[in-house]
N, C-alpha and C. Protein backbone atom coordinates (compact mmCIF):
# COMPACT_ATOMS: atom_id res chain seq x y z
N MET A 1 6.58 -17.68 -2.42
CA MET A 1 5.45 -17.55 -3.48
C MET A 1 4.37 -18.52 -3.17
N SER A 2 3.41 -17.85 -3.16
CA SER A 2 1.95 -19.18 -2.83
C SER A 2 2.13 -20.32 -3.48
N GLU A 3 1.41 -21.57 -3.48
CA GLU A 3 1.12 -22.32 -4.40
C GLU A 3 0.29 -22.37 -5.48
N LEU A 4 -0.44 -21.33 -5.54
CA LEU A 4 -1.24 -20.77 -6.66
C LEU A 4 -0.40 -19.81 -7.78
N GLY A 5 0.32 -19.39 -6.92
CA GLY A 5 1.54 -18.69 -7.45
C GLY A 5 2.26 -19.76 -8.69
N MET A 6 2.87 -20.71 -7.94
CA MET A 6 3.64 -21.53 -8.70
C MET A 6 2.98 -22.37 -9.80
N CYS A 7 1.49 -22.56 -9.46
CA CYS A 7 0.79 -23.35 -10.50
C CYS A 7 0.74 -22.42 -11.67
N LEU A 8 0.27 -21.30 -11.49
CA LEU A 8 -0.08 -20.54 -12.42
C LEU A 8 1.21 -19.94 -13.57
N ILE A 9 2.39 -20.06 -12.69
CA ILE A 9 3.61 -19.46 -13.54
C ILE A 9 3.69 -20.93 -14.58
N LYS A 10 3.39 -22.09 -13.89
CA LYS A 10 3.87 -23.44 -14.69
C LYS A 10 2.76 -23.58 -15.93
N ALA A 11 1.53 -23.04 -15.47
CA ALA A 11 0.62 -22.98 -16.49
C ALA A 11 0.96 -22.32 -17.50
N ALA A 12 1.62 -21.25 -17.22
CA ALA A 12 1.88 -20.10 -18.41
C ALA A 12 3.11 -20.80 -19.40
N LEU A 13 4.18 -21.44 -18.47
CA LEU A 13 5.19 -21.95 -19.19
C LEU A 13 4.89 -23.12 -20.08
N THR A 14 3.95 -24.07 -19.55
CA THR A 14 3.55 -25.04 -20.22
C THR A 14 2.96 -24.90 -21.56
N SER A 15 2.26 -23.60 -21.40
CA SER A 15 1.31 -22.99 -22.49
C SER A 15 2.17 -22.35 -23.65
N GLY A 16 3.40 -22.12 -23.51
CA GLY A 16 4.59 -21.46 -24.35
C GLY A 16 4.98 -20.56 -24.02
N ALA A 17 4.75 -20.08 -23.01
CA ALA A 17 5.67 -18.76 -22.44
C ALA A 17 6.82 -18.96 -22.32
N ALA A 18 7.99 -18.08 -22.74
CA ALA A 18 9.12 -18.24 -22.48
C ALA A 18 9.68 -18.00 -20.79
N LYS A 19 8.94 -17.34 -20.35
CA LYS A 19 9.19 -16.83 -19.01
C LYS A 19 8.07 -16.14 -18.21
N ALA A 20 7.64 -16.49 -16.77
CA ALA A 20 6.45 -15.69 -16.36
C ALA A 20 6.95 -15.48 -14.83
N ALA A 21 6.21 -14.80 -14.31
CA ALA A 21 6.52 -14.16 -12.84
C ALA A 21 5.18 -13.68 -12.29
N ILE A 22 5.15 -13.84 -11.07
CA ILE A 22 3.76 -13.42 -10.10
C ILE A 22 4.39 -11.97 -9.60
N ILE A 23 3.60 -10.76 -9.47
CA ILE A 23 3.96 -9.54 -9.27
C ILE A 23 2.85 -9.23 -8.46
N PRO A 24 2.90 -8.48 -7.50
CA PRO A 24 2.26 -7.63 -6.78
C PRO A 24 1.48 -6.43 -7.54
N GLN A 25 0.40 -6.05 -7.33
CA GLN A 25 -0.60 -4.78 -7.64
C GLN A 25 0.55 -3.58 -7.64
N ARG A 26 1.18 -3.36 -6.71
CA ARG A 26 2.05 -2.35 -6.41
C ARG A 26 3.14 -2.27 -7.41
N GLN A 27 3.26 -3.55 -8.13
CA GLN A 27 4.41 -3.33 -9.11
C GLN A 27 4.06 -3.12 -10.85
N ILE A 28 2.81 -3.05 -10.53
CA ILE A 28 2.27 -2.63 -12.00
C ILE A 28 1.89 -1.35 -12.17
N VAL A 29 2.92 -0.64 -13.20
CA VAL A 29 3.00 0.56 -13.72
C VAL A 29 2.04 1.11 -14.58
N LEU A 30 1.19 2.00 -14.16
CA LEU A 30 -0.11 2.60 -15.09
C LEU A 30 0.33 3.97 -15.51
N SER A 31 -0.29 4.18 -16.89
CA SER A 31 -0.07 5.80 -17.24
C SER A 31 -0.96 6.11 -18.40
N ALA A 32 -1.95 7.03 -18.19
CA ALA A 32 -2.79 7.27 -19.13
C ALA A 32 -1.97 7.70 -20.69
N GLU A 33 -0.69 7.94 -20.40
CA GLU A 33 0.15 8.43 -21.42
C GLU A 33 -0.02 7.18 -22.58
N PHE A 34 -0.05 5.89 -22.39
CA PHE A 34 0.07 5.03 -23.16
C PHE A 34 -1.29 5.21 -24.27
N ARG A 35 -2.46 5.44 -23.48
CA ARG A 35 -3.50 5.51 -24.32
C ARG A 35 -3.45 6.73 -25.49
N ARG A 36 -2.52 8.00 -25.19
CA ARG A 36 -2.33 9.01 -26.14
C ARG A 36 -1.12 8.55 -27.27
N ILE A 37 -0.46 7.49 -26.97
CA ILE A 37 0.37 7.02 -27.72
C ILE A 37 -0.62 6.13 -28.73
N CYS A 38 -1.29 5.42 -27.93
CA CYS A 38 -2.47 4.75 -29.00
C CYS A 38 -3.15 5.43 -30.01
N GLU A 39 -3.70 6.53 -29.58
CA GLU A 39 -4.27 7.92 -30.66
C GLU A 39 -3.42 8.27 -31.71
N THR A 40 -1.92 8.17 -31.56
CA THR A 40 -1.26 8.55 -32.66
C THR A 40 -1.58 7.20 -33.58
N ASN A 41 -2.07 6.20 -33.56
CA ASN A 41 -2.05 5.04 -34.32
C ASN A 41 -0.75 4.51 -34.88
N GLY A 42 0.17 4.57 -34.67
CA GLY A 42 1.67 3.81 -34.90
C GLY A 42 1.38 2.73 -35.12
N CYS A 43 0.53 1.93 -34.61
CA CYS A 43 0.57 0.34 -34.88
C CYS A 43 -0.70 0.30 -36.19
N GLY A 44 -1.40 1.25 -36.43
CA GLY A 44 -2.68 1.07 -37.27
C GLY A 44 -3.37 0.39 -36.70
N ASN A 45 -3.65 -0.02 -35.49
CA ASN A 45 -4.96 -0.61 -35.17
C ASN A 45 -6.02 0.43 -34.17
N TYR A 46 -5.80 1.71 -34.06
CA TYR A 46 -6.53 2.47 -33.35
C TYR A 46 -7.94 2.49 -34.12
N GLY A 47 -8.94 2.45 -33.69
CA GLY A 47 -10.33 2.31 -34.19
C GLY A 47 -10.81 1.24 -35.41
N ARG A 48 -9.67 0.33 -35.16
CA ARG A 48 -9.57 -0.93 -36.44
C ARG A 48 -9.44 -2.02 -36.10
N CYS A 49 -9.50 -2.29 -34.35
CA CYS A 49 -9.46 -3.39 -33.78
C CYS A 49 -10.36 -3.19 -32.35
N TRP A 50 -11.18 -4.53 -32.15
CA TRP A 50 -12.10 -4.30 -31.23
C TRP A 50 -11.39 -4.23 -29.68
N MET A 51 -10.01 -5.02 -29.88
CA MET A 51 -9.29 -4.95 -28.57
C MET A 51 -8.55 -3.85 -28.21
N CYS A 52 -8.66 -2.77 -29.21
CA CYS A 52 -7.70 -1.76 -29.12
C CYS A 52 -8.68 -0.48 -28.85
N PRO A 53 -7.95 0.82 -28.27
CA PRO A 53 -8.74 1.67 -28.16
C PRO A 53 -9.26 2.51 -29.53
N PRO A 54 -10.35 3.02 -29.66
CA PRO A 54 -10.90 3.47 -28.56
C PRO A 54 -12.16 2.43 -28.01
N ASP A 55 -12.23 1.55 -28.75
CA ASP A 55 -13.13 0.65 -28.54
C ASP A 55 -13.00 -0.06 -27.24
N THR A 56 -12.08 0.01 -26.57
CA THR A 56 -12.18 -0.75 -25.19
C THR A 56 -12.33 0.40 -23.98
N GLY A 57 -13.00 1.42 -24.65
CA GLY A 57 -13.40 2.32 -23.48
C GLY A 57 -12.24 3.08 -22.90
N ASP A 58 -12.69 4.08 -21.93
CA ASP A 58 -12.21 5.36 -21.29
C ASP A 58 -10.91 4.58 -20.56
N ILE A 59 -9.72 5.28 -20.77
CA ILE A 59 -8.48 5.08 -20.02
C ILE A 59 -8.39 4.98 -18.82
N GLU A 60 -9.10 6.07 -18.18
CA GLU A 60 -8.98 5.96 -16.47
C GLU A 60 -10.04 4.61 -15.65
N THR A 61 -11.02 4.07 -16.95
CA THR A 61 -11.56 2.99 -16.20
C THR A 61 -10.94 1.81 -16.27
N ALA A 62 -10.32 1.74 -17.52
CA ALA A 62 -9.51 0.84 -17.80
C ALA A 62 -8.46 0.53 -16.91
N MET A 63 -7.77 1.61 -16.16
CA MET A 63 -6.76 1.77 -15.29
C MET A 63 -7.27 1.32 -14.23
N ALA A 64 -8.72 1.63 -13.67
CA ALA A 64 -9.36 1.10 -12.35
C ALA A 64 -9.64 -0.20 -12.38
N GLN A 65 -9.83 -0.74 -13.66
CA GLN A 65 -9.83 -2.22 -13.62
C GLN A 65 -8.88 -3.17 -13.45
N VAL A 66 -7.65 -2.56 -14.12
CA VAL A 66 -6.21 -3.39 -13.63
C VAL A 66 -6.04 -3.02 -12.30
N ARG A 67 -6.24 -2.10 -11.56
CA ARG A 67 -5.96 -1.74 -10.07
C ARG A 67 -7.07 -2.53 -9.02
N ARG A 68 -8.06 -3.08 -9.56
CA ARG A 68 -8.94 -3.80 -8.97
C ARG A 68 -8.22 -4.96 -8.35
N TYR A 69 -7.00 -5.40 -9.20
CA TYR A 69 -6.78 -7.08 -8.74
C TYR A 69 -5.49 -6.82 -8.11
N PRO A 70 -5.37 -7.68 -7.09
CA PRO A 70 -3.77 -7.50 -6.11
C PRO A 70 -2.93 -8.25 -6.87
N TRP A 71 -3.28 -9.28 -7.58
CA TRP A 71 -1.88 -9.99 -8.08
C TRP A 71 -2.07 -9.97 -9.40
N ALA A 72 -0.81 -10.38 -10.50
CA ALA A 72 -0.52 -10.44 -11.78
C ALA A 72 0.45 -11.36 -11.98
N LEU A 73 0.14 -12.51 -13.13
CA LEU A 73 1.13 -13.02 -13.60
C LEU A 73 1.49 -12.77 -14.92
N ILE A 74 2.90 -12.30 -14.96
CA ILE A 74 2.79 -11.66 -16.31
C ILE A 74 3.92 -12.55 -17.03
N TYR A 75 3.47 -12.97 -18.40
CA TYR A 75 4.40 -13.78 -18.93
C TYR A 75 4.92 -13.09 -20.14
N GLN A 76 5.90 -13.88 -21.18
CA GLN A 76 6.23 -13.35 -22.33
C GLN A 76 6.76 -14.48 -23.14
N THR A 77 6.81 -14.01 -24.51
CA THR A 77 7.20 -15.00 -25.40
C THR A 77 8.16 -13.85 -26.17
N ILE A 78 9.28 -14.86 -26.42
CA ILE A 78 10.74 -14.25 -27.11
C ILE A 78 10.86 -15.11 -28.38
N ALA A 79 11.15 -14.57 -29.62
CA ALA A 79 10.94 -14.81 -31.01
C ALA A 79 12.21 -14.47 -31.50
N SER A 80 12.84 -15.43 -32.78
CA SER A 80 13.75 -14.94 -33.24
C SER A 80 12.98 -14.18 -34.83
N ILE A 81 13.55 -12.86 -35.03
CA ILE A 81 13.19 -12.33 -36.50
C ILE A 81 14.53 -12.00 -37.33
N GLU A 82 14.50 -11.73 -38.41
CA GLU A 82 15.66 -11.66 -39.23
C GLU A 82 16.41 -10.40 -39.11
N ASP A 83 15.71 -9.45 -38.52
CA ASP A 83 16.47 -8.10 -38.35
C ASP A 83 15.42 -7.08 -37.91
N SER A 84 15.65 -6.11 -37.37
CA SER A 84 14.89 -4.93 -36.93
C SER A 84 13.87 -4.41 -37.84
N PHE A 85 13.83 -4.64 -39.06
CA PHE A 85 13.02 -4.06 -40.00
C PHE A 85 11.95 -5.23 -40.88
N ASP A 86 12.11 -6.65 -39.85
CA ASP A 86 11.35 -7.68 -40.33
C ASP A 86 9.76 -7.75 -39.73
N ILE A 87 9.11 -6.71 -40.35
CA ILE A 87 7.59 -6.52 -40.05
C ILE A 87 7.07 -7.65 -40.06
N GLU A 88 7.37 -8.47 -41.27
CA GLU A 88 6.43 -9.69 -41.58
C GLU A 88 6.69 -10.97 -40.21
N GLY A 89 8.20 -10.89 -40.00
CA GLY A 89 8.56 -11.76 -38.89
C GLY A 89 7.79 -11.29 -37.54
N MET A 90 7.92 -10.07 -37.42
CA MET A 90 7.24 -9.48 -36.17
C MET A 90 5.61 -9.85 -36.23
N THR A 91 5.15 -9.81 -37.03
CA THR A 91 3.54 -9.84 -37.17
C THR A 91 3.24 -11.53 -37.13
N SER A 92 4.07 -12.21 -37.62
CA SER A 92 3.86 -13.75 -37.42
C SER A 92 4.40 -14.15 -35.94
N ARG A 93 5.21 -13.26 -35.23
CA ARG A 93 5.51 -13.89 -33.98
C ARG A 93 4.32 -13.30 -33.00
N ALA A 94 3.67 -12.11 -33.21
CA ALA A 94 2.84 -11.72 -32.60
C ALA A 94 1.39 -12.37 -32.66
N ARG A 95 1.18 -13.28 -33.95
CA ARG A 95 -0.15 -14.15 -33.91
C ARG A 95 0.37 -15.44 -33.16
N GLU A 96 2.08 -15.78 -33.21
CA GLU A 96 2.02 -16.98 -32.43
C GLU A 96 1.98 -16.58 -30.89
N HIS A 97 2.55 -15.55 -30.59
CA HIS A 97 1.87 -15.09 -29.01
C HIS A 97 0.70 -14.98 -28.48
N ALA A 98 -0.25 -14.61 -29.46
CA ALA A 98 -1.77 -14.27 -29.05
C ALA A 98 -2.27 -16.24 -29.21
N GLN A 99 -1.59 -16.81 -30.08
CA GLN A 99 -1.91 -18.67 -29.42
C GLN A 99 -1.37 -19.08 -28.27
N VAL A 100 -0.48 -18.43 -27.88
CA VAL A 100 0.23 -18.95 -26.84
C VAL A 100 -0.53 -18.09 -25.83
N SER A 101 -1.43 -17.05 -25.94
CA SER A 101 -2.18 -16.55 -24.89
C SER A 101 -3.55 -17.36 -24.73
N LEU A 102 -3.76 -17.43 -25.60
CA LEU A 102 -5.13 -18.52 -25.83
C LEU A 102 -5.03 -19.81 -25.04
N HIS A 103 -3.55 -20.31 -24.85
CA HIS A 103 -3.41 -21.54 -24.29
C HIS A 103 -3.20 -21.24 -22.68
N VAL A 104 -2.75 -19.85 -22.43
CA VAL A 104 -2.31 -19.37 -20.96
C VAL A 104 -3.98 -19.55 -20.42
N GLN A 105 -5.11 -18.91 -21.28
CA GLN A 105 -6.19 -18.15 -20.73
C GLN A 105 -7.03 -19.93 -20.32
N GLN A 106 -6.76 -20.81 -21.20
CA GLN A 106 -7.31 -22.09 -20.88
C GLN A 106 -6.61 -22.63 -19.70
N ALA A 107 -5.74 -22.46 -19.64
CA ALA A 107 -4.81 -23.14 -18.42
C ALA A 107 -5.15 -22.83 -17.17
N VAL A 108 -5.27 -21.38 -16.87
CA VAL A 108 -5.46 -20.50 -15.78
C VAL A 108 -6.96 -20.51 -15.32
N LYS A 109 -7.49 -20.69 -16.09
CA LYS A 109 -9.16 -20.64 -15.96
C LYS A 109 -9.71 -21.71 -14.94
N PRO A 110 -9.11 -22.86 -14.85
CA PRO A 110 -9.87 -23.93 -13.73
C PRO A 110 -8.76 -23.33 -12.36
N LEU A 111 -7.74 -22.89 -12.63
CA LEU A 111 -6.92 -22.71 -11.27
C LEU A 111 -7.79 -21.48 -10.54
N LEU A 112 -8.45 -20.36 -11.36
CA LEU A 112 -8.56 -19.29 -10.56
C LEU A 112 -10.18 -19.54 -10.28
N GLN A 113 -10.52 -19.35 -8.92
CA GLN A 113 -11.65 -19.43 -8.63
C GLN A 113 -12.75 -18.50 -8.69
N LYS A 114 -12.16 -17.00 -9.05
CA LYS A 114 -12.63 -15.73 -8.82
C LYS A 114 -12.67 -15.23 -10.32
N PRO A 115 -12.98 -14.14 -10.61
CA PRO A 115 -12.98 -13.66 -11.74
C PRO A 115 -11.92 -13.03 -12.08
N PHE A 116 -11.19 -13.07 -13.53
CA PHE A 116 -9.79 -12.39 -13.75
C PHE A 116 -9.81 -11.72 -14.58
N LEU A 117 -8.67 -10.96 -14.85
CA LEU A 117 -8.56 -9.94 -16.18
C LEU A 117 -7.55 -10.62 -17.06
N HIS A 118 -7.42 -10.79 -18.44
CA HIS A 118 -6.31 -11.35 -19.08
C HIS A 118 -6.07 -10.13 -20.12
N LEU A 119 -4.89 -9.64 -20.16
CA LEU A 119 -4.54 -8.79 -21.17
C LEU A 119 -3.65 -9.36 -22.08
N GLY A 120 -3.52 -8.76 -23.55
CA GLY A 120 -2.52 -9.45 -24.15
C GLY A 120 -1.38 -8.05 -24.75
N CYS A 121 -0.89 -8.77 -25.68
CA CYS A 121 0.15 -7.50 -26.42
C CYS A 121 -0.75 -6.64 -27.26
N GLY A 122 -0.12 -5.45 -27.60
CA GLY A 122 -0.96 -4.72 -28.81
C GLY A 122 -1.56 -5.23 -29.75
N GLY A 123 -2.95 -4.91 -29.66
CA GLY A 123 -3.85 -5.56 -30.91
C GLY A 123 -4.15 -7.02 -30.76
N CYS A 124 -5.22 -7.33 -30.79
CA CYS A 124 -5.67 -8.62 -30.40
C CYS A 124 -5.16 -10.18 -31.48
N ARG A 125 -4.77 -9.87 -32.52
CA ARG A 125 -4.10 -10.63 -33.56
C ARG A 125 -4.67 -11.95 -33.55
N LEU A 126 -5.86 -12.55 -33.01
CA LEU A 126 -6.46 -14.08 -33.20
C LEU A 126 -7.10 -14.10 -34.53
N CYS A 127 -7.65 -13.07 -35.31
CA CYS A 127 -7.83 -13.16 -36.55
C CYS A 127 -7.08 -12.62 -37.46
N GLU A 128 -6.69 -12.98 -38.59
CA GLU A 128 -5.97 -12.23 -39.62
C GLU A 128 -6.09 -10.84 -40.09
N THR A 129 -7.71 -10.42 -39.81
CA THR A 129 -8.20 -9.26 -40.28
C THR A 129 -9.50 -9.12 -39.19
N CYS A 130 -9.38 -8.20 -38.25
CA CYS A 130 -10.13 -7.93 -37.45
C CYS A 130 -11.64 -7.58 -37.95
N ALA A 131 -12.33 -8.24 -37.57
CA ALA A 131 -13.97 -7.78 -38.15
C ALA A 131 -14.25 -6.27 -37.82
N ARG A 132 -13.83 -5.76 -36.76
CA ARG A 132 -13.96 -4.22 -36.77
C ARG A 132 -13.62 -3.57 -38.32
N ARG A 133 -12.26 -4.03 -38.83
CA ARG A 133 -12.26 -3.08 -40.15
C ARG A 133 -13.35 -3.53 -41.28
N ASP A 134 -14.43 -4.31 -40.97
CA ASP A 134 -15.42 -4.90 -41.83
C ASP A 134 -16.79 -4.42 -41.39
N GLY A 135 -16.58 -3.58 -39.90
CA GLY A 135 -18.08 -3.44 -39.42
C GLY A 135 -18.67 -4.39 -38.92
N GLN A 136 -18.05 -5.55 -38.61
CA GLN A 136 -18.73 -6.63 -38.21
C GLN A 136 -18.30 -6.72 -36.59
N PRO A 137 -19.29 -7.64 -36.15
CA PRO A 137 -18.82 -7.81 -34.46
C PRO A 137 -17.65 -8.42 -34.08
N CYS A 138 -16.92 -8.55 -33.21
CA CYS A 138 -15.94 -9.60 -32.67
C CYS A 138 -16.11 -10.74 -33.05
N ARG A 139 -15.61 -11.66 -33.80
CA ARG A 139 -15.82 -13.02 -34.08
C ARG A 139 -15.57 -14.05 -32.98
N HIS A 140 -14.88 -13.61 -31.90
CA HIS A 140 -14.30 -14.45 -30.73
C HIS A 140 -14.16 -13.78 -29.66
N PRO A 141 -15.41 -13.39 -29.17
CA PRO A 141 -15.59 -12.14 -27.99
C PRO A 141 -15.08 -13.17 -26.58
N ASP A 142 -15.19 -14.18 -26.53
CA ASP A 142 -14.93 -14.98 -25.34
C ASP A 142 -13.40 -15.44 -25.42
N LYS A 143 -12.75 -15.34 -26.49
CA LYS A 143 -11.12 -15.03 -26.49
C LYS A 143 -10.23 -14.06 -26.80
N ALA A 144 -10.86 -12.84 -27.16
CA ALA A 144 -9.89 -11.81 -27.55
C ALA A 144 -9.72 -11.38 -26.35
N LEU A 145 -8.51 -10.73 -26.39
CA LEU A 145 -7.85 -9.94 -25.02
C LEU A 145 -7.49 -8.50 -25.13
N ALA A 146 -7.94 -7.31 -24.78
CA ALA A 146 -7.68 -6.17 -24.87
C ALA A 146 -6.00 -5.99 -24.60
N SER A 147 -5.42 -4.85 -24.94
CA SER A 147 -4.23 -4.86 -25.04
C SER A 147 -3.42 -4.35 -23.52
N LEU A 148 -2.56 -4.70 -23.22
CA LEU A 148 -1.69 -3.98 -21.95
C LEU A 148 -1.52 -2.55 -21.74
N GLU A 149 -1.06 -2.24 -23.22
CA GLU A 149 -0.76 -0.95 -23.36
C GLU A 149 -1.86 -0.17 -23.50
N GLY A 150 -2.94 -0.64 -24.33
CA GLY A 150 -4.19 0.23 -24.63
C GLY A 150 -5.11 0.31 -23.07
N SER A 151 -4.60 -0.54 -21.93
CA SER A 151 -5.43 -0.22 -20.88
C SER A 151 -4.29 0.34 -19.91
N GLY A 152 -3.18 1.20 -20.17
CA GLY A 152 -2.42 1.72 -19.32
C GLY A 152 -1.41 1.21 -18.93
N VAL A 153 -1.34 -0.19 -19.03
CA VAL A 153 0.05 -0.72 -18.49
C VAL A 153 1.51 -0.28 -19.21
N ASP A 154 2.39 0.12 -18.15
CA ASP A 154 3.60 0.47 -18.97
C ASP A 154 4.59 -0.95 -18.47
N VAL A 155 4.58 -1.84 -19.68
CA VAL A 155 4.95 -3.00 -19.66
C VAL A 155 6.71 -2.97 -19.24
N TYR A 156 7.42 -2.13 -19.67
CA TYR A 156 8.85 -1.97 -19.60
C TYR A 156 8.90 -1.43 -18.26
N ASN A 157 8.54 -0.75 -17.34
CA ASN A 157 8.86 -0.30 -15.95
C ASN A 157 7.99 -1.67 -15.19
N THR A 158 6.79 -2.10 -15.46
CA THR A 158 6.42 -3.20 -14.67
C THR A 158 7.36 -4.35 -14.57
N THR A 159 8.06 -4.52 -15.99
CA THR A 159 8.83 -5.76 -16.14
C THR A 159 10.47 -5.50 -14.92
N LYS A 160 10.76 -4.13 -15.05
CA LYS A 160 11.69 -4.09 -13.77
C LYS A 160 11.66 -4.66 -12.81
N GLY A 161 12.68 -5.39 -12.62
CA GLY A 161 12.84 -6.21 -10.96
C GLY A 161 12.19 -7.59 -10.85
N THR A 162 11.90 -7.82 -12.36
CA THR A 162 11.57 -9.30 -12.40
C THR A 162 12.57 -10.05 -13.34
N SER A 163 12.15 -11.40 -13.53
CA SER A 163 13.44 -12.01 -14.31
C SER A 163 12.78 -11.94 -15.85
N LEU A 164 11.95 -11.21 -16.04
CA LEU A 164 11.58 -11.11 -17.53
C LEU A 164 12.25 -9.83 -18.14
N LYS A 165 12.69 -10.04 -19.20
CA LYS A 165 13.85 -8.46 -19.91
C LYS A 165 12.61 -8.04 -20.93
N TYR A 166 12.67 -7.03 -21.18
CA TYR A 166 11.87 -5.87 -22.27
C TYR A 166 12.49 -6.22 -23.42
N ILE A 167 13.90 -6.24 -23.45
CA ILE A 167 14.73 -6.53 -24.53
C ILE A 167 15.67 -7.77 -24.61
N ASN A 168 15.33 -8.55 -25.22
CA ASN A 168 15.86 -9.68 -25.21
C ASN A 168 17.12 -10.23 -26.50
N GLY A 169 17.70 -9.11 -26.91
CA GLY A 169 18.67 -9.25 -27.77
C GLY A 169 18.47 -8.84 -29.19
N GLN A 170 19.64 -8.72 -30.07
CA GLN A 170 19.42 -8.46 -31.56
C GLN A 170 18.59 -9.71 -32.09
N ASN A 171 17.74 -9.06 -33.32
CA ASN A 171 17.23 -10.00 -33.87
C ASN A 171 15.98 -10.78 -33.07
N THR A 172 15.61 -10.08 -32.26
CA THR A 172 14.35 -10.71 -31.21
C THR A 172 13.43 -9.70 -31.12
N VAL A 173 11.99 -10.49 -30.97
CA VAL A 173 11.12 -9.53 -30.66
C VAL A 173 10.30 -10.33 -29.54
N THR A 174 9.88 -9.39 -28.29
CA THR A 174 9.12 -9.93 -27.25
C THR A 174 7.84 -9.17 -27.26
N PHE A 175 6.93 -10.43 -26.43
CA PHE A 175 5.63 -10.20 -26.15
C PHE A 175 5.15 -10.57 -25.16
N PHE A 176 4.42 -9.64 -24.24
CA PHE A 176 3.95 -9.80 -22.98
C PHE A 176 2.69 -10.07 -22.78
N GLY A 177 1.66 -10.69 -21.88
CA GLY A 177 0.76 -11.11 -21.42
C GLY A 177 0.76 -11.02 -19.99
N MET A 178 -0.70 -10.73 -19.61
CA MET A 178 -0.72 -10.55 -18.11
C MET A 178 -2.01 -10.86 -17.76
N VAL A 179 -2.19 -11.84 -16.47
CA VAL A 179 -3.43 -12.23 -16.08
C VAL A 179 -3.30 -11.56 -14.49
N LEU A 180 -4.60 -11.07 -14.28
CA LEU A 180 -4.65 -10.51 -12.97
C LEU A 180 -6.10 -10.91 -12.45
N TRP A 181 -5.64 -11.20 -10.99
CA TRP A 181 -6.75 -12.04 -10.26
C TRP A 181 -6.93 -11.68 -8.73
N GLU A 182 -7.83 -11.90 -8.38
CA GLU A 182 -8.41 -11.80 -6.42
C GLU A 182 -7.71 -12.57 -5.91
N ALA A 183 -7.34 -12.68 -4.95
CA ALA A 183 -6.53 -13.38 -4.07
C ALA A 183 -7.50 -14.05 -3.33
């Protein structure tokens, strides 16, 4: 692994990630099917969050943007919840992950000399209620992160072969983020 890769992993871990890994572009699994899943609005954010579809643009364009970068730092947070029905706990842990993502963003920025793309877990969650719901512009356009899934990333299959597990045991919730960069 390159020195930059090791520095990026360290940056993610010191920012609060539980685990992190560097993967090459060829390991990132993309599928337009994830946009169709977004369109069913199972999470309630479709058309209600600036960082979710349809406001993030065309899926083919989003996947092309992901493909543009040869390397990715993928990181995760793992948190305990009461049980698999603890929606309040999941929402709270998702907000905590969003804060970790902000810290990751700040930590990797000085390490990467070229433009990079940072994607977060489904739905931005920086604000308690997205300004999109009130017809207002994004309050934090410099910090808000588009969704991995909304960009076509199949996180489950992308994490196969890494040290990051998609499922981390009973009564836990796992969230992912990804920073893509040019070598």
